[in-house]
Structure formats: structure tokens, C-alpha cells
Protein backbone atom coordinates (compact mmCIF):
# COMPACT_ATOMS: atom_id res chain seq x y z
CA UNK A 1 15.78 4.23 -9.72
CA UNK A 2 14.65 7.42 -8.03
CA UNK A 3 11.72 7.04 -5.66
CA UNK A 4 8.30 7.99 -6.98
CA UNK A 5 7.31 11.53 -6.08
CA UNK A 6 4.54 14.09 -6.42
CA UNK A 7 3.69 14.74 -10.06
CA UNK A 8 4.83 11.33 -11.31
CA UNK A 9 2.53 8.84 -12.99
CA UNK A 10 2.52 5.56 -11.09
CA UNK A 11 4.11 2.73 -13.05
CA UNK A 12 1.99 -0.15 -14.18
CA UNK A 13 2.73 -3.59 -12.86
CA UNK A 14 0.94 -6.65 -11.55
CA UNK A 15 -0.04 -7.54 -8.02
CA UNK A 16 -2.08 -10.40 -6.62
CA UNK A 17 -4.84 -10.78 -4.05
CA UNK A 18 -7.65 -13.07 -3.02
CA UNK A 19 -11.09 -11.73 -3.92
CA UNK A 20 -14.32 -12.04 -1.90
CA UNK A 21 -14.89 -15.51 -3.42
CA UNK A 22 -11.43 -16.62 -2.23
CA UNK A 23 -10.13 -16.74 -5.79
CA UNK A 24 -6.58 -15.65 -6.51
CA UNK A 25 -6.56 -12.62 -8.80
CA UNK A 26 -3.65 -11.12 -10.70
CA UNK A 27 -4.34 -7.53 -11.72
CA UNK A 28 -2.53 -4.53 -13.08
CA UNK A 29 -2.11 -1.60 -10.75
CA UNK A 30 -3.32 0.70 -13.50
CA UNK A 31 -6.59 -1.27 -13.71
CA UNK A 32 -7.11 -0.60 -10.00
CA UNK A 33 -6.26 3.10 -10.16
CA UNK A 34 -7.11 4.49 -13.62
CA UNK A 35 -9.88 7.08 -13.51
CA UNK A 36 -10.05 6.93 -9.71
CA UNK A 37 -8.69 8.67 -6.64
CA UNK A 38 -6.86 6.00 -4.66
CA UNK A 39 -4.51 5.71 -1.76
CA UNK A 40 -1.66 3.29 -2.36
CA UNK A 41 0.26 2.62 0.81
CA UNK A 42 3.11 0.24 1.40
CA UNK A 43 4.59 -1.46 4.41
CA UNK A 44 7.76 -3.49 4.96
CA UNK A 45 5.94 -6.68 5.89
CA UNK A 46 2.80 -8.46 6.94
CA UNK A 47 2.47 -9.22 10.65
CA UNK A 48 5.34 -6.88 11.56
CA UNK A 49 4.76 -4.72 14.65
CA UNK A 50 4.42 -1.15 13.33
CA UNK A 51 2.63 -2.29 10.19
CA UNK A 52 0.15 -4.42 12.12
CA UNK A 53 -0.56 -2.20 15.10
CA UNK A 54 -0.32 1.31 13.64
CA UNK A 55 -0.05 1.73 9.87
CA UNK A 56 -2.75 -0.66 8.61
CA UNK A 57 -5.20 -0.04 11.49
CA UNK A 58 -4.94 3.70 10.87
CA UNK A 59 -6.16 3.35 7.29
CA UNK A 60 -8.88 0.90 8.30
CA UNK A 61 -10.11 3.21 11.08
CA UNK A 62 -10.05 6.30 8.82
CA UNK A 63 -11.43 4.57 5.70
CA UNK A 64 -14.94 6.03 5.91
CA UNK A 65 -13.55 9.53 6.44
CA UNK A 66 -11.13 9.10 3.52
CA UNK A 67 -13.94 7.87 1.28
CA UNK A 68 -16.15 10.80 2.33
CA UNK A 69 -13.40 13.09 0.99
CA UNK A 70 -13.46 11.49 -2.45
CA UNK A 71 -11.14 8.50 -2.14
CA UNK A 72 -12.46 5.61 -4.22
CA UNK A 73 -10.15 2.82 -3.04
CA UNK A 74 -7.48 2.18 -0.42
CA UNK A 75 -4.80 -0.22 -1.62
CA UNK A 76 -2.21 -1.77 0.68
CA UNK A 77 0.86 -3.31 -0.92
CA UNK A 78 3.52 -5.41 0.76
CA UNK A 79 6.37 -7.63 -0.41
CA UNK A 80 4.71 -10.84 0.72
CA UNK A 81 2.95 -13.65 -1.10
CA UNK A 82 -0.83 -13.50 -1.58
CA UNK A 83 -1.43 -16.32 0.91
CA UNK A 84 0.29 -14.36 3.68
CA UNK A 85 -1.60 -11.20 2.72
CA UNK A 86 -4.90 -13.10 2.81
CA UNK A 87 -4.20 -14.38 6.32
CA UNK A 88 -3.04 -10.95 7.46
CA UNK A 89 -6.25 -9.37 6.15
CA UNK A 90 -8.25 -11.84 8.25
CA UNK A 91 -6.75 -10.31 11.41
CA UNK A 92 -8.79 -7.15 10.69
CA UNK A 93 -12.39 -8.46 10.73
CA UNK A 94 -13.84 -4.93 10.72
CA UNK A 95 -12.02 -3.98 7.51
CA UNK A 96 -14.39 -3.14 4.67
CA UNK A 97 -12.29 -0.84 2.49
CA UNK A 98 -8.57 -1.68 2.50
CA UNK A 99 -7.54 -4.14 -0.22
CA UNK A 100 -4.49 -6.25 0.70
CA UNK A 101 -2.25 -6.63 -2.38
CA UNK A 102 0.79 -8.89 -2.66
CA UNK A 103 3.98 -7.91 -4.47
CA UNK A 104 5.67 -11.25 -3.87
CA UNK A 105 8.93 -10.61 -5.71
CA UNK A 106 9.08 -6.85 -5.01
CA UNK A 107 8.82 -6.18 -8.74
CA UNK A 108 6.25 -3.40 -8.33
CA UNK A 109 8.05 -2.01 -5.29
CA UNK A 110 11.22 -1.73 -7.42
CA UNK A 111 9.20 0.03 -10.17
CA UNK A 112 8.15 2.60 -7.56
CA UNK A 113 11.77 3.01 -6.49
CA UNK A 114 10.75 2.24 -2.91
CA UNK A 115 12.62 -0.99 -2.19
CA UNK A 116 14.38 -1.39 1.14
CA UNK A 117 17.13 -3.93 1.78
CA UNK A 118 16.43 -5.58 5.12
CA UNK A 119 18.72 -8.57 4.50
CA UNK A 120 20.65 -7.82 7.69
CA UNK A 121 17.42 -8.52 9.61
CA UNK A 122 16.70 -11.69 7.62
CA UNK A 123 13.86 -10.11 5.65
CA UNK A 124 15.51 -9.59 2.24
CA UNK A 125 14.15 -6.92 -0.09
CA UNK A 126 11.06 -5.19 1.26
CA UNK A 127 9.17 -1.97 0.70
CA UNK A 128 9.87 1.31 2.39
CA UNK A 129 6.89 2.52 4.38
CA UNK A 130 4.94 5.00 2.25
CA UNK A 131 1.55 6.41 1.31
CA UNK A 132 0.61 7.89 -2.04
CA UNK A 133 -2.51 9.82 -2.93
CA UNK A 134 -3.08 9.07 -6.61
CA UNK A 135 -5.65 10.72 -8.86
CA UNK A 136 -6.13 9.01 -12.24
CA UNK A 137 -2.64 7.48 -12.04
CA UNK A 138 -0.91 10.77 -11.12
CA UNK A 139 0.70 11.13 -7.70
CA UNK A 140 -0.77 14.11 -5.87
CA UNK A 141 0.91 13.40 -2.52
CA UNK A 142 3.94 11.20 -1.84
CA UNK A 143 4.71 10.50 1.81
CA UNK A 144 7.78 8.27 2.01
CA UNK A 145 9.43 7.32 5.27
CA UNK A 146 13.14 7.19 6.00
CA UNK A 147 14.46 3.93 7.41
CA UNK A 148 12.12 2.40 9.94
CA UNK A 149 10.28 5.61 10.79
CA UNK A 150 6.51 6.02 10.93
CA UNK A 151 5.87 9.76 10.90
CA UNK A 152 4.54 10.89 7.49
CA UNK A 153 2.87 7.90 5.79
CA UNK A 154 -0.13 7.50 8.10
CA UNK A 155 -3.80 8.01 7.26
CA UNK A 156 -3.96 11.34 9.09
CA UNK A 157 -1.33 12.83 6.79
CA UNK A 158 -3.36 11.81 3.73
CA UNK A 159 -6.50 13.27 5.33
CA UNK A 160 -4.68 16.60 5.80
CA UNK A 161 -3.85 16.60 2.08
CA UNK A 162 -7.47 16.03 1.10
């Protein structure tokens, strides 16, 4: 499947997360994004170096600025189980705006066309690093990285587009 790009409608699919009451929730991506301006960004894995020290912190640090420019929600997706995502979220105690979503079997990542085979590194199928600016389900900006790069999918690039 071709990777999602500007002008596409994001596919629907289900993801999981733990809510504020520590209850496991399964939700459709469309229910999180319909009628809203959202950032959906993906990383290869929880607790991995670039994801943990650069990509996620960038969106957490810029969250207020992003929201001041009309972004309703910031959604992080990773091919990990919801328990791992919950523990990873706890490592960012100052986070108030980034929702950590689990795509445990990479089903939604495949629907986006953004899967990355990292079997040679013992990680199996993961997500390419990306950030999407989505307005009422339509992709307005698609920043998708090549390989292991981290040059175009950061929060600053989304801010420039706003």
C-alpha cells in the first residue's frame, strides 16, 4: 500500500490507550479526529533513543504553541501494546496534551502504509517515523521520514505548516 500523503483521508481503525482513570480504552481513530484539527505522529518504538529523547519531547514541549495555533489534539501512535505505552507516558510527567496510543499489531500502521520492517534489529514490524497534520480526517501535511532519519517529522515542522 502506498504511504498516506497530503490530500488523503486518514483510514479508520482501532487503537488502544489507558484513560485518566487507568481504564483500557479501545477507540476508532476517526472518533478521535473527526471534526477536529489533530496531529497524528508515529514513532518506531516506545523507549527507543530518538523517540524518547527527541521526537516525543518535542511535541510535549511545543504542545501549548501547537494548540494556540488551532490544534485540538496531539496523538502519538506506536506499534507497542497499551501497557508499554502507559508506562512510557509516565516517563513524561509534565505531559498534558500528547495522548499515547497503542497499535499493538501494527494494523493501523499498515492501513497508513507506514510500516517499517525492523526484523533485522529484532524489532519486527514497526512504524516509520512520521507526523501528519489532519483537519477533519483530511491530511493537510504529511511529513514521513526515510529509514531511521529524524529531519522532517518533528513538532517544529508542523508549527511551520500552521
